[in-house]
Protein backbone atom coordinates (compact mmCIF):
# COMPACT_ATOMS: atom_id res chain seq x y z
CA MET A 1 10.31 183.18 115.99
CA LEU A 2 13.09 185.85 117.27
CA VAL A 3 16.50 184.59 117.83
CA ILE A 4 19.19 186.75 119.17
CA VAL A 5 22.73 185.59 119.43
CA CYS A 6 25.45 187.62 121.22
CA SER A 7 28.98 186.63 121.92
CA LEU A 8 31.24 189.01 123.79
CA THR A 9 34.68 188.19 124.81
CA ILE A 10 37.75 190.41 125.74
CA PRO A 11 41.02 188.61 126.39
CA LEU A 12 42.53 189.71 129.81
CA ALA A 13 45.62 190.77 128.02
CA ALA A 14 43.68 193.27 125.94
CA GLN A 15 42.62 195.06 128.94
CA GLU A 16 44.22 198.27 129.55
CA PRO A 17 45.62 199.10 133.11
CA ALA A 18 44.06 201.77 135.02
CA ARG A 19 44.88 205.32 134.57
CA VAL A 20 45.25 208.23 136.88
CA GLY A 21 43.66 211.23 134.92
CA HIS A 22 42.85 214.75 136.27
CA VAL A 23 43.50 216.26 139.40
CA SER A 24 41.06 218.97 140.83
CA VAL A 25 41.22 221.16 143.82
CA LEU A 26 37.75 222.05 145.68
CA GLY A 27 36.71 223.72 148.65
CA SER A 28 38.27 226.80 150.46
CA SER A 29 41.46 227.26 152.11
CA ALA A 30 40.27 226.22 155.34
CA ALA A 31 38.85 222.94 153.72
CA ILE A 32 40.80 221.66 151.14
CA GLU A 33 39.75 218.66 148.95
CA VAL A 34 41.87 217.30 146.11
CA GLU A 35 39.79 214.91 143.82
CA ILE A 36 41.92 212.48 141.72
CA GLN A 37 40.12 211.09 138.63
CA THR A 38 41.13 207.46 137.67
CA SER A 39 39.75 205.30 134.65
CA GLY A 40 39.08 202.36 136.81
CA THR A 41 38.96 201.09 140.19
CA VAL A 42 42.28 201.54 142.17
CA THR A 43 43.60 201.23 145.62
CA PRO A 44 45.67 204.07 146.73
CA GLN A 45 48.48 203.93 149.06
CA SER A 46 49.12 207.49 150.87
CA GLN A 47 51.92 208.59 153.36
CA MET A 48 52.51 211.95 155.29
CA LEU A 49 56.14 212.91 154.74
CA THR A 50 58.13 215.88 156.17
CA GLY A 51 61.14 217.76 154.94
CA PRO A 52 59.66 219.19 153.11
CA ASP A 53 56.00 218.83 154.18
CA ARG A 54 54.07 216.63 151.51
CA ILE A 55 51.33 214.06 151.09
CA VAL A 56 52.21 211.23 148.91
CA VAL A 57 49.46 209.18 147.35
CA ASP A 58 50.81 206.04 145.00
CA PHE A 59 48.48 204.16 142.73
CA PRO A 60 49.95 200.78 142.11
CA GLY A 61 48.96 199.07 138.74
CA ALA A 62 48.08 202.35 137.22
CA LEU A 63 49.61 204.61 134.53
CA PRO A 64 49.57 208.31 134.27
CA GLY A 65 46.90 209.91 131.99
CA ALA A 66 47.43 212.29 129.40
CA ASP A 67 45.73 214.85 131.39
CA LEU A 68 48.14 214.49 134.53
CA ARG A 69 50.31 217.41 134.98
CA ALA A 70 51.86 219.53 137.80
CA MET A 71 49.87 222.54 139.12
CA VAL A 72 50.80 225.59 141.26
CA VAL A 73 47.66 225.97 144.04
CA ASN A 74 48.70 228.50 146.69
CA ARG A 75 45.40 227.52 148.50
CA GLY A 76 45.60 227.55 152.10
CA ALA A 77 48.26 225.01 153.26
CA LEU A 78 48.34 223.48 149.59
CA LYS A 79 51.26 224.94 147.72
CA ALA A 80 51.52 222.68 144.56
CA ILE A 81 50.67 219.27 143.21
CA ARG A 82 53.03 217.13 141.42
CA ALA A 83 52.29 213.69 139.48
CA GLY A 84 53.68 211.31 137.09
CA LEU A 85 54.98 207.64 136.93
CA PHE A 86 57.02 206.65 140.04
CA ALA A 87 57.97 203.05 138.90
CA LYS A 88 57.52 201.25 135.42
CA ASP A 89 57.39 197.49 136.32
CA PRO A 90 55.29 197.20 137.90
CA SER A 91 53.69 200.46 137.20
CA VAL A 92 53.02 203.20 139.97
CA THR A 93 51.52 206.54 139.59
CA ARG A 94 52.39 208.91 142.14
CA VAL A 95 50.59 212.15 143.11
CA VAL A 96 52.28 214.52 145.88
CA LEU A 97 50.66 217.32 147.20
CA ASP A 98 53.35 219.96 148.50
CA LEU A 99 52.39 221.63 151.74
CA THR A 100 53.42 224.78 153.61
CA VAL A 101 52.71 223.02 157.18
CA PRO A 102 51.68 219.75 157.88
CA GLN A 103 48.01 218.70 157.38
CA SER A 104 45.85 215.91 158.54
CA TYR A 105 44.00 214.20 155.96
CA GLN A 106 41.42 211.53 155.04
CA VAL A 107 41.34 209.45 151.79
CA PHE A 108 38.20 208.30 150.58
CA ALA A 109 37.89 205.94 147.16
CA THR A 110 34.99 205.41 145.06
CA ARG A 111 35.00 203.56 141.64
CA ASN A 112 36.24 206.13 139.48
CA ALA A 113 37.90 208.66 141.68
CA VAL A 114 40.09 209.22 144.88
CA MET A 115 39.12 212.31 147.46
CA LEU A 116 41.81 213.66 149.89
CA LYS A 117 40.21 215.91 152.52
CA LEU A 118 42.86 218.27 154.15
CA SER A 119 42.38 219.90 157.58
CA PRO A 120 44.83 221.85 159.98
CA ILE A 121 46.13 220.02 162.83
CA ALA A 122 44.73 220.65 166.17
CA ALA A 123 46.89 222.66 168.55
CA GLY A 124 49.60 220.11 169.99
CA GLY A 125 48.29 217.35 167.88
CA GLN A 126 50.23 215.36 165.28
CA ALA A 127 49.55 214.51 161.82
CA GLN A 128 48.03 211.26 161.44
CA PRO A 129 48.04 209.78 157.92
CA SER A 130 45.20 207.85 156.89
CA PRO A 131 46.24 204.08 155.79
CA ALA A 132 44.97 203.34 152.61
CA PRO A 133 41.13 202.52 152.47
CA PRO A 134 40.07 199.02 151.90
CA ALA A 135 37.71 198.41 149.04
CA SER A 136 34.73 198.89 151.23
CA THR A 137 35.51 202.23 152.10
CA GLU A 138 32.67 204.71 153.09
CA PRO A 139 31.75 206.40 149.63
CA LEU A 140 31.83 210.08 149.05
CA PRO A 141 28.21 211.55 149.91
CA VAL A 142 27.02 211.22 146.48
CA SER A 143 26.33 207.94 145.50
CA PRO A 144 25.77 206.89 141.96
CA PRO A 145 22.37 206.03 140.61
CA GLU A 146 20.87 202.46 141.04
CA PRO A 147 21.10 200.20 137.97
CA SER A 148 17.83 200.03 136.21
CA MET A 149 16.35 198.14 133.56
CA ASN A 150 13.13 197.86 131.63
CA VAL A 151 12.70 195.31 129.00
CA THR A 152 9.39 194.80 127.19
CA PHE A 153 8.08 192.90 124.28
CA HIS A 154 4.50 193.67 123.02
CA ASN A 155 3.18 192.73 119.30
CA GLY A 156 6.47 191.32 118.13
CA MET A 157 8.35 194.60 119.19
CA LEU A 158 11.18 194.52 121.81
CA SER A 159 12.13 197.29 123.53
CA ILE A 160 15.31 197.54 125.98
CA HIS A 161 15.95 200.60 128.27
CA ALA A 162 19.15 199.90 130.72
CA ASP A 163 21.46 201.87 132.77
CA ARG A 164 24.38 200.33 134.46
CA VAL A 165 23.20 196.63 133.78
CA THR A 166 25.20 193.61 132.82
CA LEU A 167 24.80 192.29 129.55
CA ALA A 168 23.76 188.96 130.87
CA LYS A 169 21.01 190.31 132.75
CA VAL A 170 19.70 192.14 129.83
CA LEU A 171 19.87 189.04 127.70
CA PHE A 172 18.23 186.73 130.37
CA GLU A 173 15.29 188.91 130.26
CA VAL A 174 14.91 189.17 126.86
CA GLN A 175 15.24 185.30 126.73
CA ARG A 176 12.56 185.14 129.66
CA LEU A 177 9.94 187.54 128.15
CA THR A 178 10.35 186.16 124.19
CA GLY A 179 11.05 182.58 124.93
CA ALA A 180 14.07 182.86 122.35
CA GLU A 181 17.10 180.73 122.86
CA ILE A 182 19.82 183.03 123.55
CA ALA A 183 23.63 181.94 124.25
CA ILE A 184 24.32 184.09 127.29
CA PRO A 185 28.26 184.07 127.33
CA ALA A 186 29.88 183.42 130.77
CA GLY A 187 30.85 187.09 132.15
CA ALA A 188 28.74 188.82 129.94
């Protein structure tokens, strides 16, 4: 008889706050995209400011990562990117895109990244900052692969292949296939 006991608890106080990591500039000077990588899900708040022209993106509850640095870009209307800790308590990390002229922009948030797409303002148009996206914002065109799990039990041999599946689902499937009594911790 196979018995598996597994216990996994992570105290809430031990969880690290999200971190704002590496910033990358993608695209051509006509269609600039700025990708800001994060260590977890964050809800950015953005605004367009003038005098000088810039786009400010705040990440409430996040700390700056070790790789977060200022950079000179000089691509299209994007002159430079500055980033750092804007407020300590509660923590807010700020990323500033310095511009030569106002730009319209869109913000897309995914699980571990925020993408800003800049574009020139149409003749006679005004820059309209995009509001901070809700949690259900349209994801970037590339979606992550679906979670997959394959658990087999044959001739006393257990095989588990799992990708982005919760521990509880894996343990439940092992319990179902083997008949073993497994204590599945809440929230596993």
